[in-house]
Amino acid sequence: QVQLVESGGGLVQPGGSLRLSCVASEFTLDYYHIGWFRQAPGKEREGVSCIGSGAGSTYYADSVKGRFTISRDNAKSTVYLQMNSLKPEDTAVYYCAVVRPSGTVQAMCVTTALGFMDYWGKGTLVTVSS
């Protein structure tokens, strides 16, 4: 069974940090763009950060630039999202997704079409609160 499994979510105080992980199984992660998306209560799912399959091009939403860092370890079939200086506005369910690269990393992250992705994880909840 092809799977993407997210982990690392939890409750943190504003200004704190978390590192999310997404582990892929039953397919070779090397050949996919990978992205992190989030959905806050009452809001649409949005792209947070994505990383390319090749040279490692990255894209960050304006709201997280300078605070979040995406990285991948193909040997471990894992993508990470290091989140620093967390704000209450970052509270959301965070999802990992992958797509075979027919387009750019930016296109992956800004698309509003959920069906564009090949696989989605089930999500991990991040709550930023005092």
C-alpha atoms as a PDB file:
ATOM      1  CA  GLN A   1       0.000   0.000   0.000  1.00  0.00           C
ATOM      2  CA  VAL A   2       1.412   3.375  -1.032  1.00  0.00           C
ATOM      3  CA  GLN A   3       1.549   5.608   2.012  1.00  0.00           C
ATOM      4  CA  LEU A   4       2.674   8.993   3.226  1.00  0.00           C
ATOM      5  CA  VAL A   5       2.738   9.246   7.006  1.00  0.00           C
ATOM      6  CA  GLU A   6       3.184  12.573   8.761  1.00  0.00           C
ATOM      7  CA  SER A   7       4.388  12.980  12.316  1.00  0.00           C
ATOM      8  CA  GLY A   8       5.746  15.622  14.647  1.00  0.00           C
ATOM      9  CA  GLY A   9       2.685  17.718  15.282  1.00  0.00           C
ATOM     10  CA  GLY A  10       1.582  18.788  18.702  1.00  0.00           C
ATOM     11  CA  LEU A  11       0.897  21.701  21.000  1.00  0.00           C
ATOM     12  CA  VAL A  12       3.516  24.438  21.222  1.00  0.00           C
ATOM     13  CA  GLN A  13       3.656  27.955  22.604  1.00  0.00           C
ATOM     14  CA  PRO A  14       4.015  30.970  20.332  1.00  0.00           C
ATOM     15  CA  GLY A  15       7.659  31.400  19.424  1.00  0.00           C
ATOM     16  CA  GLY A  16       8.344  27.706  19.782  1.00  0.00           C
ATOM     17  CA  SER A  17       9.533  25.185  17.232  1.00  0.00           C
ATOM     18  CA  LEU A  18       8.449  21.880  15.765  1.00  0.00           C
ATOM     19  CA  ARG A  19       9.844  19.585  13.119  1.00  0.00           C
ATOM     20  CA  LEU A  20       7.372  17.688  11.002  1.00  0.00           C
ATOM     21  CA  SER A  21       8.327  14.517   9.168  1.00  0.00           C
ATOM     22  CA  CYS A  22       6.708  12.741   6.267  1.00  0.00           C
ATOM     23  CA  VAL A  23       7.817   9.214   5.468  1.00  0.00           C
ATOM     24  CA  ALA A  24       7.003   7.584   2.152  1.00  0.00           C
ATOM     25  CA  SER A  25       6.593   3.870   1.610  1.00  0.00           C
ATOM     26  CA  GLU A  26       6.047   1.608  -1.386  1.00  0.00           C
ATOM     27  CA  PHE A  27       7.420   4.105  -3.888  1.00  0.00           C
ATOM     28  CA  THR A  28      10.667   5.886  -4.680  1.00  0.00           C
ATOM     29  CA  LEU A  29      10.512   9.390  -3.279  1.00  0.00           C
ATOM     30  CA  ASP A  30      13.417  10.636  -5.399  1.00  0.00           C
ATOM     31  CA  TYR A  31      11.252  11.129  -8.475  1.00  0.00           C
ATOM     32  CA  TYR A  32       8.591  13.306  -6.863  1.00  0.00           C
ATOM     33  CA  HIS A  33       8.129  16.894  -5.908  1.00  0.00           C
ATOM     34  CA  ILE A  34       7.077  17.001  -2.259  1.00  0.00           C
ATOM     35  CA  GLY A  35       5.072  19.625  -0.461  1.00  0.00           C
ATOM     36  CA  TRP A  36       3.601  20.583   2.858  1.00  0.00           C
ATOM     37  CA  PHE A  37       0.091  21.967   2.923  1.00  0.00           C
ATOM     38  CA  ARG A  38      -2.065  23.068   5.796  1.00  0.00           C
ATOM     39  CA  GLN A  39      -5.705  23.626   6.536  1.00  0.00           C
ATOM     40  CA  ALA A  40      -6.813  25.815   9.407  1.00  0.00           C
ATOM     41  CA  PRO A  41     -10.325  25.696  10.850  1.00  0.00           C
ATOM     42  CA  GLY A  42     -12.773  27.337   8.481  1.00  0.00           C
ATOM     43  CA  LYS A  43     -10.159  27.961   5.811  1.00  0.00           C
ATOM     44  CA  GLU A  44      -9.089  26.422   2.524  1.00  0.00           C
ATOM     45  CA  ARG A  45      -6.086  24.160   2.278  1.00  0.00           C
ATOM     46  CA  GLU A  46      -3.009  26.141   1.312  1.00  0.00           C
ATOM     47  CA  GLY A  47       0.516  25.400   0.222  1.00  0.00           C
ATOM     48  CA  VAL A  48       3.170  26.047   2.845  1.00  0.00           C
ATOM     49  CA  SER A  49       6.417  24.842   1.321  1.00  0.00           C
ATOM     50  CA  CYS A  50       7.469  22.529  -1.484  1.00  0.00           C
ATOM     51  CA  ILE A  51      10.741  21.031  -2.656  1.00  0.00           C
ATOM     52  CA  GLY A  52      11.672  19.686  -6.063  1.00  0.00           C
ATOM     53  CA  SER A  53      12.694  16.215  -7.113  1.00  0.00           C
ATOM     54  CA  GLY A  54      15.910  17.219  -8.841  1.00  0.00           C
ATOM     55  CA  ALA A  55      18.253  19.996  -7.863  1.00  0.00           C
ATOM     56  CA  GLY A  56      16.151  20.791  -4.842  1.00  0.00           C
ATOM     57  CA  SER A  57      14.345  23.963  -5.800  1.00  0.00           C
ATOM     58  CA  THR A  58      12.173  25.193  -2.974  1.00  0.00           C
ATOM     59  CA  TYR A  59       9.159  27.398  -2.570  1.00  0.00           C
ATOM     60  CA  TYR A  60       7.756  29.018   0.548  1.00  0.00           C
ATOM     61  CA  ALA A  61       4.518  30.812   1.134  1.00  0.00           C
ATOM     62  CA  ASP A  62       5.060  34.437   2.097  1.00  0.00           C
ATOM     63  CA  SER A  63       3.558  33.784   5.502  1.00  0.00           C
ATOM     64  CA  VAL A  64       6.317  31.327   6.466  1.00  0.00           C
ATOM     65  CA  LYS A  65       9.403  32.706   4.725  1.00  0.00           C
ATOM     66  CA  GLY A  66      12.295  33.057   7.123  1.00  0.00           C
ATOM     67  CA  ARG A  67      10.619  30.840   9.715  1.00  0.00           C
ATOM     68  CA  PHE A  68      10.124  27.451   8.039  1.00  0.00           C
ATOM     69  CA  THR A  69      12.654  25.276   6.230  1.00  0.00           C
ATOM     70  CA  ILE A  70      11.847  22.302   4.040  1.00  0.00           C
ATOM     71  CA  SER A  71      14.353  19.540   3.391  1.00  0.00           C
ATOM     72  CA  ARG A  72      14.409  15.999   2.086  1.00  0.00           C
ATOM     73  CA  ASP A  73      16.445  12.880   2.728  1.00  0.00           C
ATOM     74  CA  ASN A  74      15.887  10.511  -0.154  1.00  0.00           C
ATOM     75  CA  ALA A  75      17.884   7.741   1.512  1.00  0.00           C
ATOM     76  CA  LYS A  76      15.325   7.759   4.314  1.00  0.00           C
ATOM     77  CA  SER A  77      12.371   8.460   2.018  1.00  0.00           C
ATOM     78  CA  THR A  78      11.552  11.380   4.270  1.00  0.00           C
ATOM     79  CA  VAL A  79      10.769  15.053   3.934  1.00  0.00           C
ATOM     80  CA  TYR A  80      10.971  17.451   6.857  1.00  0.00           C
ATOM     81  CA  LEU A  81       9.483  20.799   7.710  1.00  0.00           C
ATOM     82  CA  GLN A  82      11.373  22.673  10.393  1.00  0.00           C
ATOM     83  CA  MET A  83       9.063  25.286  11.862  1.00  0.00           C
ATOM     84  CA  ASN A  84      10.519  28.045  14.016  1.00  0.00           C
ATOM     85  CA  SER A  85       9.041  31.168  15.573  1.00  0.00           C
ATOM     86  CA  LEU A  86       5.612  29.640  15.437  1.00  0.00           C
ATOM     87  CA  LYS A  87       2.574  31.880  15.568  1.00  0.00           C
ATOM     88  CA  PRO A  88      -1.034  31.139  16.503  1.00  0.00           C
ATOM     89  CA  GLU A  89      -1.877  31.681  12.833  1.00  0.00           C
ATOM     90  CA  ASP A  90       0.175  28.578  12.023  1.00  0.00           C
ATOM     91  CA  THR A  91      -2.360  26.387  13.800  1.00  0.00           C
ATOM     92  CA  ALA A  92      -3.650  23.866  11.285  1.00  0.00           C
ATOM     93  CA  VAL A  93      -3.603  20.288  10.162  1.00  0.00           C
ATOM     94  CA  TYR A  94      -0.448  19.860   8.113  1.00  0.00           C
ATOM     95  CA  TYR A  95      -0.471  17.458   5.176  1.00  0.00           C
ATOM     96  CA  CYS A  96       2.312  15.996   3.097  1.00  0.00           C
ATOM     97  CA  ALA A  97       1.748  15.475  -0.619  1.00  0.00           C
ATOM     98  CA  VAL A  98       3.785  14.292  -3.590  1.00  0.00           C
ATOM     99  CA  VAL A  99       3.464  14.625  -7.338  1.00  0.00           C
ATOM    100  CA  ARG A 100       5.460  13.422 -10.292  1.00  0.00           C
ATOM    101  CA  PRO A 101       7.110  16.570 -11.657  1.00  0.00           C
ATOM    102  CA  SER A 102       5.267  17.650 -14.755  1.00  0.00           C
ATOM    103  CA  GLY A 103       5.590  21.256 -13.611  1.00  0.00           C
ATOM    104  CA  THR A 104       7.462  23.525 -11.270  1.00  0.00           C
ATOM    105  CA  VAL A 105       7.713  23.350  -7.513  1.00  0.00           C
ATOM    106  CA  GLN A 106       5.968  26.703  -7.294  1.00  0.00           C
ATOM    107  CA  ALA A 107       3.083  25.402  -9.353  1.00  0.00           C
ATOM    108  CA  MET A 108       2.707  22.487  -6.979  1.00  0.00           C
ATOM    109  CA  CYS A 109       2.541  24.736  -3.948  1.00  0.00           C
ATOM    110  CA  VAL A 110       0.139  27.338  -5.293  1.00  0.00           C
ATOM    111  CA  THR A 111      -2.355  25.025  -6.955  1.00  0.00           C
ATOM    112  CA  THR A 112      -5.850  24.907  -5.530  1.00  0.00           C
ATOM    113  CA  ALA A 113      -6.608  21.566  -7.172  1.00  0.00           C
ATOM    114  CA  LEU A 114      -6.218  18.806  -4.620  1.00  0.00           C
ATOM    115  CA  GLY A 115      -6.387  16.231  -7.388  1.00  0.00           C
ATOM    116  CA  PHE A 116      -3.175  17.593  -8.850  1.00  0.00           C
ATOM    117  CA  MET A 117      -1.237  15.558  -6.299  1.00  0.00           C
ATOM    118  CA  ASP A 118      -0.541  11.873  -6.708  1.00  0.00           C
ATOM    119  CA  TYR A 119      -0.656  11.026  -3.001  1.00  0.00           C
ATOM    120  CA  TRP A 120      -1.692  12.715   0.227  1.00  0.00           C
ATOM    121  CA  GLY A 121      -0.930  11.850   3.813  1.00  0.00           C
ATOM    122  CA  LYS A 122      -3.595  11.893   6.499  1.00  0.00           C
ATOM    123  CA  GLY A 123      -2.168  14.925   8.269  1.00  0.00           C
ATOM    124  CA  THR A 124      -0.723  15.909  11.617  1.00  0.00           C
ATOM    125  CA  LEU A 125      -2.196  18.594  13.849  1.00  0.00           C
ATOM    126  CA  VAL A 126      -0.127  21.594  14.892  1.00  0.00           C
ATOM    127  CA  THR A 127      -1.589  23.825  17.573  1.00  0.00           C
ATOM    128  CA  VAL A 128       0.180  27.038  18.539  1.00  0.00           C
ATOM    129  CA  SER A 129      -1.325  28.472  21.683  1.00  0.00           C
ATOM    130  CA  SER A 130      -0.444  29.909  25.065  1.00  0.00           C
END
